[in-house]
């Protein structure tokens, strides 16, 4: 038992830190920064010194480290709020110390793995904050005999795919097509890729995980319990702690896969192609994934027209693919010459827009070819769209000509997994998911306003054709328009939470309330507490 004096001392300490948390908004940034740094040093393990992982604004490497993983230039302006400190953790103990000290001094923490958060929530805050950057924690351990791998949160998906391919030509992992995605955030938000009709999402292939909780403790699946393990597989890990690593289940793929990337304009029958695609795609062979992209283009007469681009991955040979397409989407008039047989890792490069013949080592590059200003939005379609509806969509796309519309098909394995198996609820009954994409190169406020408004106009034009009550949205296509928290209330959280998670939102709130009752891990779209 505690003595009365030690009990009194503990109470005093708790009161002191509670006061710091309450009054921290009025403390100077310099005071908060200094308190945090002193805490870090005193809590770091001598054998793993944290000093080399600390970057402050007066350090010449501060801005390069900050900017190197900003993938949206909207959040790389002189007026964008900057962190007081960046901790580029080099050891898991650095993560533990960072959580303990940020909580102790009342600083918000933003957790970044790959920086692909479309709204910058992993590295921007309107309150005094620090960034915990995980890019140095990138170890990958592939074990082909057990068909599993451990991957640290800061590893990129490209690095993971490369590591698997180095050991096996017939193993893979279902994840996103962009090789610079960080494994921590990508998987915790769902992990969506071109093999999901065959194998489901990344989160459907997770066996274990390690997370640093609000107390700074490292927990595996057994230690965290099944509720928290459920929540971090699609509910966004950053609401519950810091994901350190995932244990993934590898999947088997054939030695030969087939891809194509073809374009069809309206005058070439694109409307029929879109109509047939949306009517059959969710029912076709689960080995086939065909992404449909709609954009504005110029016709043969120089007039504005619509163009459909179809990009496919078929886990099988060309002849079988041709048979499926000719029977089910004959209006595409696909030619054998438009298809290429290759192995799986070559298809990863193909989908990431590398030239054919590019060596797999290209997947290890962390730089993106061209970082732009961007805005993204998402939708889900459950009912077939009529030809008249498709023609109306073409009209809207040509009016908002700089916005692209990408449609990703469902069906197959996605229809077999329960909506409640993970927090990701968009399963059976979904025909396809849509992403609205607006990119621009100039950073003026007026241009940003105009470009984002174009994306919102197209989103509004799609209202008759998409899900309702709620209008569903995909967490990994982060969109602040669907709702945000400024007071982190349950009411605020429900606005965006039910769009991202539908009925799973309430269970996520219960888990959050249990594991982080003071709501330390939070951002503008995090899971609230009760």
Protein backbone atom coordinates (compact mmCIF):
# COMPACT_ATOMS: atom_id res chain seq x y z
CA UNK A 1 0.00 0.00 0.00
CA UNK A 2 1.04 3.62 -0.57
CA UNK A 3 1.90 5.67 2.48
CA UNK A 4 -0.19 8.77 3.08
CA UNK A 5 2.76 10.98 2.11
CA UNK A 6 3.42 9.14 -1.16
CA UNK A 7 -0.29 9.11 -1.93
CA UNK A 8 -0.42 12.86 -1.33
CA UNK A 9 2.65 13.34 -3.52
CA UNK A 10 1.07 11.32 -6.35
CA UNK A 11 -2.10 13.38 -6.07
CA UNK A 12 -0.09 16.59 -6.27
CA UNK A 13 1.70 15.40 -9.39
CA UNK A 14 -1.59 14.44 -11.03
CA UNK A 15 -3.08 17.84 -10.19
CA UNK A 16 0.03 19.58 -11.55
CA UNK A 17 -0.09 17.77 -14.87
CA UNK A 18 -3.85 18.26 -15.10
CA UNK A 19 -3.30 22.01 -14.70
CA UNK A 20 -0.64 21.92 -17.42
CA UNK A 21 -3.11 20.21 -19.76
CA UNK A 22 -5.81 22.74 -18.93
CA UNK A 23 -3.64 25.84 -19.22
CA UNK A 24 -1.23 24.70 -21.97
CA UNK A 25 -3.00 26.83 -24.65
CA UNK A 26 -1.89 29.90 -22.65
CA UNK A 27 1.68 28.72 -22.14
CA UNK A 28 4.19 30.10 -24.61
CA UNK A 29 5.31 27.84 -27.44
CA UNK A 30 8.90 28.22 -26.25
CA UNK A 31 7.95 27.03 -22.77
CA UNK A 32 6.05 24.04 -24.13
CA UNK A 33 8.90 23.17 -26.46
CA UNK A 34 11.50 23.40 -23.71
CA UNK A 35 9.43 21.34 -21.28
CA UNK A 36 8.86 18.70 -23.92
CA UNK A 37 12.55 18.46 -24.87
CA UNK A 38 13.65 18.21 -21.25
CA UNK A 39 11.12 15.45 -20.70
CA UNK A 40 12.36 13.59 -23.80
CA UNK A 41 15.97 13.61 -22.69
CA UNK A 42 15.13 12.46 -19.19
CA UNK A 43 12.90 9.66 -20.53
CA UNK A 44 15.20 8.39 -23.27
CA UNK A 45 17.15 5.14 -22.90
CA UNK A 46 20.95 5.69 -22.79
CA UNK A 47 21.59 2.86 -25.24
CA UNK A 48 19.17 4.46 -27.75
CA UNK A 49 19.82 8.23 -27.46
CA UNK A 50 16.96 10.31 -28.79
CA UNK A 51 18.99 13.46 -29.46
CA UNK A 52 19.71 12.49 -33.10
CA UNK A 53 15.98 12.11 -33.74
CA UNK A 54 15.04 15.62 -32.57
CA UNK A 55 14.53 18.48 -35.03
CA UNK A 56 13.52 21.96 -33.88
CA UNK A 57 12.83 25.04 -36.06
CA UNK A 58 16.32 26.44 -35.43
CA UNK A 59 17.85 23.26 -36.86
CA UNK A 60 18.89 23.55 -40.53
CA UNK A 61 17.36 20.12 -41.25
CA UNK A 62 13.96 21.02 -39.76
CA UNK A 63 12.24 22.20 -42.95
CA UNK A 64 13.78 19.50 -45.20
CA UNK A 65 12.58 16.82 -42.76
CA UNK A 66 9.15 18.44 -42.47
CA UNK A 67 8.70 18.92 -46.22
CA UNK A 68 10.11 15.59 -47.38
CA UNK A 69 6.88 13.75 -46.55
CA UNK A 70 4.35 16.44 -47.45
CA UNK A 71 2.53 15.02 -50.48
CA UNK A 72 0.02 17.87 -50.83
CA UNK A 73 1.48 21.33 -51.46
CA UNK A 74 -1.62 22.97 -49.96
CA UNK A 75 0.07 22.26 -46.62
CA UNK A 76 3.55 23.46 -47.51
CA UNK A 77 2.99 27.21 -47.47
CA UNK A 78 4.56 29.92 -45.26
CA UNK A 79 1.25 30.27 -43.40
CA UNK A 80 0.79 26.54 -42.73
CA UNK A 81 1.19 25.94 -38.96
CA UNK A 82 4.55 24.29 -38.18
CA UNK A 83 5.33 21.85 -35.37
CA UNK A 84 7.35 22.94 -32.36
CA UNK A 85 9.43 19.77 -32.71
CA UNK A 86 9.74 16.85 -35.12
CA UNK A 87 10.76 13.51 -33.64
CA UNK A 88 12.01 11.27 -36.45
CA UNK A 89 12.03 8.17 -34.28
CA UNK A 90 14.94 5.79 -34.83
CA UNK A 91 13.93 3.28 -32.19
CA UNK A 92 10.61 2.22 -30.74
CA UNK A 93 11.65 3.64 -27.37
CA UNK A 94 11.68 7.07 -29.07
CA UNK A 95 8.00 6.59 -29.88
CA UNK A 96 7.25 5.66 -26.29
CA UNK A 97 9.11 8.71 -24.92
CA UNK A 98 7.41 11.02 -27.40
CA UNK A 99 3.93 9.86 -26.41
CA UNK A 100 4.69 10.07 -22.69
CA UNK A 101 6.20 13.55 -22.92
CA UNK A 102 3.68 15.07 -25.34
CA UNK A 103 0.90 13.93 -23.04
CA UNK A 104 2.75 15.17 -19.96
CA UNK A 105 3.25 18.74 -21.20
CA UNK A 106 -0.05 19.01 -23.06
CA UNK A 107 1.15 19.08 -26.66
CA UNK A 108 -0.89 17.66 -29.50
CA UNK A 109 0.84 14.87 -31.37
CA UNK A 110 0.52 14.24 -35.09
CA UNK A 111 1.70 10.85 -36.36
CA UNK A 112 3.10 10.54 -39.88
CA UNK A 113 4.26 7.47 -41.78
CA UNK A 114 4.12 8.25 -45.50
CA UNK A 115 2.54 11.71 -45.59
CA UNK A 116 -0.26 10.80 -48.02
CA UNK A 117 -2.99 12.16 -45.74
CA UNK A 118 -4.92 14.25 -48.30
CA UNK A 119 -5.89 16.86 -45.70
CA UNK A 120 -2.51 17.02 -43.95
CA UNK A 121 -3.97 15.89 -40.61
CA UNK A 122 -0.89 13.76 -39.93
CA UNK A 123 1.42 16.76 -39.92
CA UNK A 124 -0.63 19.97 -39.38
CA UNK A 125 -2.55 21.27 -36.36
CA UNK A 126 -4.05 24.60 -35.38
CA UNK A 127 -2.86 24.10 -31.78
CA UNK A 128 0.74 23.78 -30.51
CA UNK A 129 1.88 20.38 -31.71
CA UNK A 130 4.74 18.04 -32.47
CA UNK A 131 5.16 15.57 -35.32
CA UNK A 132 6.14 11.99 -34.58
CA UNK A 133 7.57 10.87 -37.92
CA UNK A 134 8.06 7.15 -38.42
CA UNK A 135 9.99 7.12 -41.71
CA UNK A 136 13.10 5.68 -40.04
CA UNK A 137 11.15 2.70 -38.68
CA UNK A 138 10.97 0.76 -41.91
CA UNK A 139 12.17 -2.80 -41.21
CA UNK A 140 10.50 -5.60 -43.19
CA UNK A 141 10.87 -9.30 -42.34
CA UNK A 142 9.35 -11.66 -44.92
CA UNK A 143 8.91 -15.34 -44.02
CA UNK A 144 7.83 -17.29 -47.11
CA UNK A 145 7.54 -20.73 -45.35
CA UNK A 146 4.80 -19.33 -43.08
CA UNK A 147 3.51 -16.91 -45.76
CA UNK A 148 3.71 -14.00 -43.35
CA UNK A 149 5.74 -10.81 -42.88
CA UNK A 150 6.28 -8.13 -40.26
CA UNK A 151 6.40 -4.62 -41.65
CA UNK A 152 7.14 -1.50 -39.63
CA UNK A 153 4.82 1.49 -39.95
CA UNK A 154 7.37 3.74 -41.67
CA UNK A 155 8.07 1.29 -44.48
CA UNK A 156 6.46 2.15 -47.80
CA UNK A 157 4.18 -0.21 -49.66
CA UNK A 158 6.71 -0.18 -52.52
CA UNK A 159 9.41 -1.38 -50.15
CA UNK A 160 7.09 -4.11 -48.90
CA UNK A 161 6.21 -5.30 -52.42
CA UNK A 162 9.89 -5.31 -53.36
CA UNK A 163 10.85 -7.31 -50.25
CA UNK A 164 8.20 -9.94 -51.01
CA UNK A 165 9.20 -10.22 -54.68
CA UNK A 166 12.87 -10.67 -53.76
CA UNK A 167 11.94 -13.89 -51.99
CA UNK A 168 9.08 -15.22 -54.10
CA UNK A 169 7.61 -14.75 -57.57
CA UNK A 170 4.26 -16.18 -56.52
CA UNK A 171 3.52 -14.29 -53.32
CA UNK A 172 2.11 -10.80 -52.89
CA UNK A 173 0.14 -8.57 -50.53
CA UNK A 174 -3.12 -6.74 -51.32
CA UNK A 175 -2.49 -3.03 -50.83
CA UNK A 176 -2.47 0.33 -52.57
CA UNK A 177 -0.93 0.94 -55.97
CA UNK A 178 1.10 4.01 -54.96
CA UNK A 179 4.53 2.76 -53.84
CA UNK A 180 5.27 5.72 -51.54
CA UNK A 181 2.31 5.06 -49.23
CA UNK A 182 3.40 4.53 -45.62
CA UNK A 183 2.33 1.14 -44.28
CA UNK A 184 1.23 2.53 -40.91
CA UNK A 185 -1.49 4.89 -42.10
CA UNK A 186 -2.39 3.08 -45.31
CA UNK A 187 -3.24 -0.19 -43.59
CA UNK A 188 -4.88 1.36 -40.52
CA UNK A 189 -7.32 3.23 -42.79
CA UNK A 190 -8.31 0.09 -44.72
CA UNK A 191 -5.66 -0.48 -47.37
CA UNK A 192 -7.37 -0.47 -50.76
CA UNK A 193 -5.80 -1.97 -53.88
CA UNK A 194 -6.25 -3.77 -57.18
CA UNK A 195 -6.42 -7.28 -55.67
CA UNK A 196 -9.26 -6.53 -53.28
CA UNK A 197 -11.85 -8.39 -55.36
CA UNK A 198 -9.72 -11.53 -54.91
CA UNK A 199 -8.26 -11.09 -51.42
CA UNK A 200 -10.11 -8.22 -49.75
CA UNK A 201 -8.42 -5.17 -48.26
CA UNK A 202 -5.06 -4.96 -46.52
CA UNK A 203 -6.89 -5.01 -43.16
CA UNK A 204 -8.52 -8.29 -44.10
CA UNK A 205 -5.04 -9.82 -44.20
CA UNK A 206 -3.61 -8.64 -40.86
CA UNK A 207 -2.62 -11.25 -38.26
CA UNK A 208 -1.06 -9.13 -35.52
CA UNK A 209 0.12 -5.61 -34.76
CA UNK A 210 2.19 -3.62 -32.31
CA UNK A 211 0.91 -0.31 -30.98
CA UNK A 212 2.18 2.25 -28.47
CA UNK A 213 -0.79 3.17 -26.31
CA UNK A 214 -1.53 6.40 -24.46
CA UNK A 215 0.56 5.24 -21.50
CA UNK A 216 3.58 4.68 -23.72
CA UNK A 217 3.36 0.89 -23.50
CA UNK A 218 3.94 -1.41 -26.48
CA UNK A 219 1.09 -3.86 -26.96
CA UNK A 220 0.68 -6.75 -29.39
CA UNK A 221 -2.64 -8.31 -30.40
CA UNK A 222 -2.90 -10.51 -27.33
CA UNK A 223 -2.01 -7.65 -24.98
CA UNK A 224 -4.23 -5.02 -26.60
CA UNK A 225 -7.26 -7.30 -26.85
CA UNK A 226 -9.55 -8.02 -29.76
CA UNK A 227 -11.57 -4.79 -29.49
CA UNK A 228 -8.56 -2.54 -30.04
CA UNK A 229 -7.15 -4.92 -32.64
CA UNK A 230 -10.47 -4.65 -34.47
CA UNK A 231 -10.48 -0.84 -34.24
CA UNK A 232 -7.02 -0.21 -35.70
CA UNK A 233 -7.76 -2.35 -38.77
CA UNK A 234 -9.69 0.30 -40.68
CA UNK A 235 -10.64 2.78 -37.96
CA UNK A 236 -7.48 4.83 -38.36
CA UNK A 237 -4.65 3.90 -36.00
CA UNK A 238 -3.92 7.51 -35.08
CA UNK A 239 -7.09 7.72 -32.97
CA UNK A 240 -5.94 4.95 -30.65
CA UNK A 241 -2.15 5.09 -30.42
CA UNK A 242 0.93 4.82 -32.60
CA UNK A 243 1.13 1.78 -34.87
CA UNK A 244 4.68 0.40 -34.76
CA UNK A 245 4.29 -2.62 -37.04
CA UNK A 246 1.90 -5.02 -38.72
CA UNK A 247 2.08 -8.78 -39.12
CA UNK A 248 0.59 -9.45 -42.53
CA UNK A 249 -0.62 -12.57 -44.28
CA UNK A 250 0.91 -13.01 -47.73
CA UNK A 251 -1.30 -14.20 -50.57
CA UNK A 252 -0.46 -16.47 -53.48
CA UNK A 253 -0.59 -15.13 -57.03
CA UNK A 254 0.00 -16.91 -60.36
CA UNK A 255 3.39 -16.66 -62.05
CA UNK A 256 1.70 -14.89 -64.98
CA UNK A 257 -0.72 -11.98 -64.69
CA UNK A 258 -2.13 -9.77 -67.45
CA UNK A 259 -2.59 -5.99 -67.56
CA UNK A 260 -3.96 -3.41 -69.95
CA UNK A 261 -4.41 0.37 -70.03
CA UNK A 262 -6.78 1.53 -72.78
CA UNK A 263 -8.72 4.68 -73.65
CA UNK A 264 -12.11 5.10 -75.32
CA UNK A 265 -13.77 8.44 -76.11
CA UNK A 266 -17.50 9.10 -76.33
CA UNK A 267 -17.38 9.00 -80.12
CA UNK A 268 -15.70 5.57 -79.85
CA UNK A 269 -18.54 4.13 -77.77
CA UNK A 270 -17.31 5.11 -74.28
CA UNK A 271 -20.86 5.48 -72.94
CA UNK A 272 -21.65 1.84 -73.78
CA UNK A 273 -18.34 0.78 -72.21
CA UNK A 274 -19.14 2.60 -68.97
CA UNK A 275 -22.68 1.22 -68.92
CA UNK A 276 -21.55 -2.38 -69.46
CA UNK A 277 -18.65 -2.05 -66.99
CA UNK A 278 -20.86 -0.83 -64.14
CA UNK A 279 -23.49 -3.52 -64.78
CA UNK A 280 -21.19 -6.54 -64.80
CA UNK A 281 -17.92 -5.65 -63.07
CA UNK A 282 -18.99 -6.59 -59.53
CA UNK A 283 -20.17 -10.00 -60.79
CA UNK A 284 -17.13 -10.97 -62.87
CA UNK A 285 -14.29 -13.37 -62.06
CA UNK A 286 -12.75 -12.17 -58.77
CA UNK A 287 -9.29 -12.46 -60.35
CA UNK A 288 -10.13 -9.44 -62.53
CA UNK A 289 -9.96 -5.82 -61.42
CA UNK A 290 -10.66 -3.03 -63.93
CA UNK A 291 -10.34 0.57 -62.79
CA UNK A 292 -12.46 3.03 -64.79
CA UNK A 293 -11.37 6.67 -65.01
CA UNK A 294 -13.55 9.35 -66.58
CA UNK A 295 -12.18 12.73 -67.66
CA UNK A 296 -12.72 15.56 -70.08
CA UNK A 297 -10.82 15.44 -73.38
CA UNK A 298 -10.78 16.81 -76.92
CA UNK A 299 -12.45 14.99 -79.78
CA UNK A 300 -11.29 14.61 -83.37
CA UNK A 301 -12.92 17.91 -84.31
CA UNK A 302 -11.22 19.73 -81.43
CA UNK A 303 -14.48 19.96 -79.49
CA UNK A 304 -14.73 18.96 -75.86
CA UNK A 305 -15.63 15.32 -75.27
CA UNK A 306 -15.43 12.67 -72.58
CA UNK A 307 -12.82 9.94 -72.30
CA UNK A 308 -12.87 6.66 -70.38
CA UNK A 309 -9.57 5.06 -69.38
CA UNK A 310 -9.66 1.45 -68.22
CA UNK A 311 -6.71 -0.07 -66.37
CA UNK A 312 -6.82 -3.77 -65.55
CA UNK A 313 -5.05 -6.41 -63.50
CA UNK A 314 -6.03 -10.02 -64.20
CA UNK A 315 -4.49 -12.73 -62.05
CA UNK A 316 -4.18 -15.11 -64.96
CA UNK A 317 -3.19 -15.46 -68.64
CA UNK A 318 -4.14 -13.21 -71.55
CA UNK A 319 -6.38 -15.74 -73.31
CA UNK A 320 -8.63 -16.15 -70.28
CA UNK A 321 -8.82 -12.37 -69.84
CA UNK A 322 -9.87 -11.88 -73.48
CA UNK A 323 -12.60 -14.46 -73.07
CA UNK A 324 -14.03 -12.67 -70.00
CA UNK A 325 -13.93 -9.22 -71.62
CA UNK A 326 -15.41 -10.33 -74.96
CA UNK A 327 -18.31 -12.03 -73.21
CA UNK A 328 -19.08 -9.32 -70.67
CA UNK A 329 -17.83 -5.95 -71.95
CA UNK A 330 -17.91 -6.44 -75.74
CA UNK A 331 -18.27 -2.70 -76.40
CA UNK A 332 -14.69 -2.24 -75.17
CA UNK A 333 -13.49 -4.11 -78.30
CA UNK A 334 -10.32 -5.06 -76.47
CA UNK A 335 -7.46 -6.23 -78.68
CA UNK A 336 -4.78 -8.74 -77.67
CA UNK A 337 -2.13 -6.20 -78.62
CA UNK A 338 -3.44 -3.87 -75.92
CA UNK A 339 -2.67 -6.45 -73.20
CA UNK A 340 0.64 -7.47 -71.65
CA UNK A 341 1.50 -10.65 -69.76
CA UNK A 342 4.00 -10.23 -66.92
CA UNK A 343 4.69 -11.31 -63.34
CA UNK A 344 3.11 -9.71 -60.29
CA UNK A 345 5.93 -7.34 -59.31
CA UNK A 346 6.07 -6.08 -62.91
CA UNK A 347 2.34 -5.37 -62.67
CA UNK A 348 3.00 -3.31 -59.52
CA UNK A 349 5.40 -1.14 -61.55
CA UNK A 350 2.91 -0.97 -64.44
CA UNK A 351 0.11 0.27 -62.16
CA UNK A 352 2.46 2.82 -60.59
CA UNK A 353 3.03 4.27 -64.10
CA UNK A 354 6.64 3.16 -64.50
CA UNK A 355 7.79 2.34 -68.03
CA UNK A 356 7.75 -1.34 -68.97
CA UNK A 357 11.10 -2.89 -68.23
CA UNK A 358 11.77 -0.68 -65.19
CA UNK A 359 13.75 -2.57 -62.54
CA UNK A 360 11.84 -3.36 -59.31
CA UNK A 361 14.39 -1.28 -57.37
CA UNK A 362 12.38 1.76 -58.53
CA UNK A 363 9.84 0.81 -55.86
CA UNK A 364 12.40 1.71 -53.20
CA UNK A 365 12.43 5.38 -54.15
CA UNK A 366 10.62 7.49 -51.59
CA UNK A 367 10.43 10.67 -53.63
CA UNK A 368 7.28 11.27 -55.65
CA UNK A 369 7.83 12.43 -59.26
CA UNK A 370 5.77 15.60 -58.91
CA UNK A 371 4.17 16.81 -55.70
CA UNK A 372 1.15 18.98 -56.49
CA UNK A 373 -1.63 20.90 -54.84
CA UNK A 374 -4.60 18.58 -54.63
CA UNK A 375 -8.10 17.93 -53.36
CA UNK A 376 -9.77 14.52 -53.11
CA UNK A 377 -13.32 13.38 -52.36
CA UNK A 378 -15.01 9.97 -52.39
CA UNK A 379 -18.37 8.29 -52.96
CA UNK A 380 -19.93 4.83 -53.21
CA UNK A 381 -22.44 3.58 -55.78
CA UNK A 382 -24.85 0.75 -54.92
CA UNK A 383 -27.48 1.09 -57.68
CA UNK A 384 -26.82 0.87 -61.44
CA UNK A 385 -26.71 4.21 -63.23
CA UNK A 386 -28.89 4.51 -66.34
CA UNK A 387 -27.47 5.51 -69.72
CA UNK A 388 -29.20 8.85 -69.31
CA UNK A 389 -27.45 9.21 -65.98
CA UNK A 390 -24.08 8.35 -67.56
CA UNK A 391 -24.67 11.00 -70.23
CA UNK A 392 -25.46 13.55 -67.49
CA UNK A 393 -22.23 12.56 -65.73
CA UNK A 394 -20.27 13.12 -68.96
CA UNK A 395 -21.77 16.60 -69.17
CA UNK A 396 -20.78 17.37 -65.57
CA UNK A 397 -17.25 16.07 -66.15
CA UNK A 398 -16.81 18.24 -69.23
CA UNK A 399 -18.05 21.27 -67.28
CA UNK A 400 -15.54 20.61 -64.49
CA UNK A 401 -12.89 19.55 -66.97
CA UNK A 402 -9.91 19.60 -64.61
CA UNK A 403 -11.47 17.11 -62.18
CA UNK A 404 -11.02 13.39 -62.79
CA UNK A 405 -13.42 10.68 -61.63
CA UNK A 406 -11.95 7.27 -60.79
CA UNK A 407 -14.22 4.25 -60.26
CA UNK A 408 -12.96 1.11 -58.49
CA UNK A 409 -15.09 -2.05 -58.76
CA UNK A 410 -16.37 -4.19 -55.91
CA UNK A 411 -17.77 -7.71 -55.71
CA UNK A 412 -15.81 -10.92 -55.24
CA UNK A 413 -14.20 -11.26 -51.83
CA UNK A 414 -15.44 -7.80 -50.77
CA UNK A 415 -19.04 -9.06 -50.89
CA UNK A 416 -18.21 -12.07 -48.70
CA UNK A 417 -16.77 -10.18 -45.70
CA UNK A 418 -19.19 -8.82 -43.11
CA UNK A 419 -19.57 -5.05 -42.72
CA UNK A 420 -18.67 -5.48 -39.05
CA UNK A 421 -15.62 -7.72 -39.49
CA UNK A 422 -13.46 -4.59 -39.45
CA UNK A 423 -14.38 -0.89 -39.04
CA UNK A 424 -14.38 -0.61 -42.87
CA UNK A 425 -18.11 -1.06 -43.64
CA UNK A 426 -18.34 -0.57 -47.42
CA UNK A 427 -18.76 -4.22 -48.42
CA UNK A 428 -21.66 -6.23 -49.86
CA UNK A 429 -23.99 -4.34 -52.17
CA UNK A 430 -21.42 -1.78 -53.29
CA UNK A 431 -20.95 -1.77 -57.06
CA UNK A 432 -18.00 0.62 -57.10
CA UNK A 433 -16.22 3.34 -55.17
CA UNK A 434 -15.41 6.73 -56.71
CA UNK A 435 -12.61 9.19 -56.13
CA UNK A 436 -12.79 12.80 -57.32
CA UNK A 437 -9.33 14.19 -58.10
CA UNK A 438 -8.36 17.82 -58.62
CA UNK A 439 -4.65 18.70 -59.10
CA UNK A 440 -3.09 22.07 -59.77
CA UNK A 441 0.42 23.54 -59.87
CA UNK A 442 0.05 27.15 -58.71
CA UNK A 443 -0.38 27.84 -55.02
CA UNK A 444 -2.39 31.05 -54.82
CA UNK A 445 -5.39 31.14 -52.48
CA UNK A 446 -7.75 32.07 -55.31
CA UNK A 447 -6.61 29.21 -57.53
CA UNK A 448 -6.90 26.76 -54.65
CA UNK A 449 -10.42 27.98 -53.92
CA UNK A 450 -11.44 27.62 -57.58
CA UNK A 451 -9.90 24.16 -58.01
CA UNK A 452 -11.43 22.77 -54.84
CA UNK A 453 -14.79 24.23 -55.81
CA UNK A 454 -14.64 22.33 -59.11
CA UNK A 455 -14.23 19.05 -57.23
CA UNK A 456 -17.15 19.98 -55.00
CA UNK A 457 -19.31 20.83 -58.03
CA UNK A 458 -18.74 17.42 -59.58
CA UNK A 459 -19.37 15.78 -56.20
CA UNK A 460 -22.66 17.66 -55.98
CA UNK A 461 -23.62 16.66 -59.53
CA UNK A 462 -23.17 12.98 -58.56
CA UNK A 463 -25.68 13.20 -55.69
CA UNK A 464 -28.52 11.36 -57.49
CA UNK A 465 -26.35 8.31 -58.22
CA UNK A 466 -24.52 7.62 -54.94
CA UNK A 467 -25.31 6.30 -51.47
CA UNK A 468 -27.59 8.21 -49.14
CA UNK A 469 -28.28 8.33 -45.39
CA UNK A 470 -25.38 8.34 -44.93
CA UNK A 471 -23.55 9.40 -48.05
CA UNK A 472 -20.63 7.01 -47.56
CA UNK A 473 -17.00 8.10 -47.73
CA UNK A 474 -13.61 6.34 -47.54
CA UNK A 475 -11.32 7.24 -44.63
CA UNK A 476 -8.11 6.84 -46.65
CA UNK A 477 -9.44 9.39 -49.16
CA UNK A 478 -9.45 11.94 -46.36
CA UNK A 479 -11.91 14.78 -47.02
CA UNK A 480 -12.49 17.50 -44.43
CA UNK A 481 -15.68 18.54 -46.26
CA UNK A 482 -17.59 15.57 -44.83
CA UNK A 483 -17.21 16.97 -41.31
CA UNK A 484 -14.59 17.90 -38.75
CA UNK A 485 -14.06 18.34 -35.03
CA UNK A 486 -12.94 21.52 -33.33
CA UNK A 487 -14.15 20.60 -29.84
CA UNK A 488 -13.83 16.82 -30.29
CA UNK A 489 -17.40 16.22 -29.21
CA UNK A 490 -19.33 13.06 -29.95
CA UNK A 491 -21.82 15.10 -31.98
CA UNK A 492 -19.09 16.54 -34.21
CA UNK A 493 -17.47 13.14 -34.63
CA UNK A 494 -20.70 11.46 -35.60
CA UNK A 495 -21.08 13.75 -38.65
CA UNK A 496 -18.02 12.35 -40.43
CA UNK A 497 -17.80 9.11 -38.44
CA UNK A 498 -21.04 7.64 -39.77
CA UNK A 499 -20.00 8.46 -43.36
CA UNK A 500 -16.65 6.74 -42.95
CA UNK A 501 -17.76 3.85 -40.72
CA UNK A 502 -21.59 3.65 -40.83
CA UNK A 503 -22.83 1.46 -37.96
CA UNK A 504 -19.29 0.65 -36.85
CA UNK A 505 -18.81 4.21 -35.59
CA UNK A 506 -20.47 3.53 -32.21
CA UNK A 507 -18.21 0.55 -31.54
CA UNK A 508 -15.16 2.64 -32.46
CA UNK A 509 -16.28 5.29 -29.96
CA UNK A 510 -16.61 2.62 -27.27
CA UNK A 511 -13.08 1.34 -27.94
CA UNK A 512 -11.69 4.88 -28.00
CA UNK A 513 -13.35 5.75 -24.70
CA UNK A 514 -11.88 2.66 -23.11
CA UNK A 515 -8.28 2.94 -24.35
CA UNK A 516 -7.86 6.75 -24.53
CA UNK A 517 -10.49 8.27 -22.21
CA UNK A 518 -8.84 11.72 -22.14
CA UNK A 519 -8.78 11.83 -25.96
CA UNK A 520 -5.04 12.47 -26.20
CA UNK A 521 -4.72 10.97 -29.70
CA UNK A 522 -6.86 13.26 -31.80
CA UNK A 523 -7.12 15.21 -35.02
CA UNK A 524 -9.91 16.99 -36.87
CA UNK A 525 -11.40 13.65 -37.99
CA UNK A 526 -10.41 11.31 -35.18
CA UNK A 527 -12.72 9.02 -33.24
CA UNK A 528 -14.21 10.93 -30.27
CA UNK A 529 -14.87 9.67 -26.76
CA UNK A 530 -18.23 9.47 -25.03
